[in-house]
C-alpha cells in the first residue's frame, strides 16, 4: 500500500497547553546549543561530527 500524504491543515489542535510548554523548553535548548556552537571556531566541525556519529550508531 502506498503512503498517502495527509491533507493540510490537520484536524487537530496543535496549540494545546502541553505542546506550548514543550516548545518553550525546546526553544531554550536550541538557544543553548546555538550559544555553544558559536564558541566553536568552525561550526561545520560540529555538524560533520554529528552526521558521523549518527552513521556509526546505525551500524
Protein backbone atom coordinates (compact mmCIF):
# COMPACT_ATOMS: atom_id res chain seq x y z
CA UNK A 1 0.00 0.00 0.00
CA UNK A 2 1.38 3.40 -0.96
CA UNK A 3 1.82 6.13 1.62
CA UNK A 4 -0.75 8.91 1.35
CA UNK A 5 0.21 12.41 2.42
CA UNK A 6 -2.39 13.77 4.85
CA UNK A 7 -4.42 16.78 3.81
CA UNK A 8 -3.42 20.02 5.49
CA UNK A 9 -4.36 21.59 7.80
CA UNK A 10 -4.68 18.73 10.27
CA UNK A 11 -7.98 18.24 12.05
CA UNK A 12 -6.39 18.51 15.48
CA UNK A 13 -5.47 21.39 17.74
CA UNK A 14 -1.69 21.79 17.91
CA UNK A 15 -1.84 24.73 20.29
CA UNK A 16 -2.54 22.78 23.44
CA UNK A 17 -1.08 23.74 26.79
CA UNK A 18 1.21 20.68 26.78
CA UNK A 19 2.59 21.43 23.32
CA UNK A 20 3.17 25.08 24.15
CA UNK A 21 5.11 24.09 27.28
CA UNK A 22 7.29 21.75 25.20
CA UNK A 23 8.01 24.49 22.64
CA UNK A 24 9.30 26.74 25.43
CA UNK A 25 11.76 24.10 26.63
CA UNK A 26 12.76 23.24 23.05
CA UNK A 27 13.44 26.90 22.30
CA UNK A 28 15.66 27.14 25.36
CA UNK A 29 17.60 24.03 24.36
CA UNK A 30 18.11 25.36 20.83
CA UNK A 31 19.33 28.69 22.18
CA UNK A 32 21.81 26.89 24.43
CA UNK A 33 23.05 24.79 21.53
CA UNK A 34 23.40 27.89 19.34
CA UNK A 35 25.48 29.58 22.03
CA UNK A 36 27.73 26.54 22.32
CA UNK A 37 28.11 26.32 18.54
CA UNK A 38 29.16 29.97 18.37
CA UNK A 39 32.03 29.25 20.75
CA UNK A 40 33.50 26.77 18.25
CA UNK A 41 35.86 28.41 15.74
CA UNK A 42 34.49 26.31 12.86
CA UNK A 43 30.82 25.35 13.39
CA UNK A 44 30.87 22.93 10.44
CA UNK A 45 33.08 20.65 12.53
CA UNK A 46 30.15 20.17 14.93
CA UNK A 47 27.72 19.41 12.10
CA UNK A 48 30.10 16.95 10.42
CA UNK A 49 30.74 15.19 13.71
CA UNK A 50 27.00 14.73 14.33
CA UNK A 51 26.45 13.07 10.96
CA UNK A 52 29.44 10.77 11.51
CA UNK A 53 28.13 9.81 14.95
CA UNK A 54 24.70 9.06 13.54
CA UNK A 55 26.20 6.89 10.77
CA UNK A 56 28.26 5.00 13.36
CA UNK A 57 25.22 4.42 15.58
CA UNK A 58 23.29 2.81 12.68
CA UNK A 59 25.91 0.13 12.05
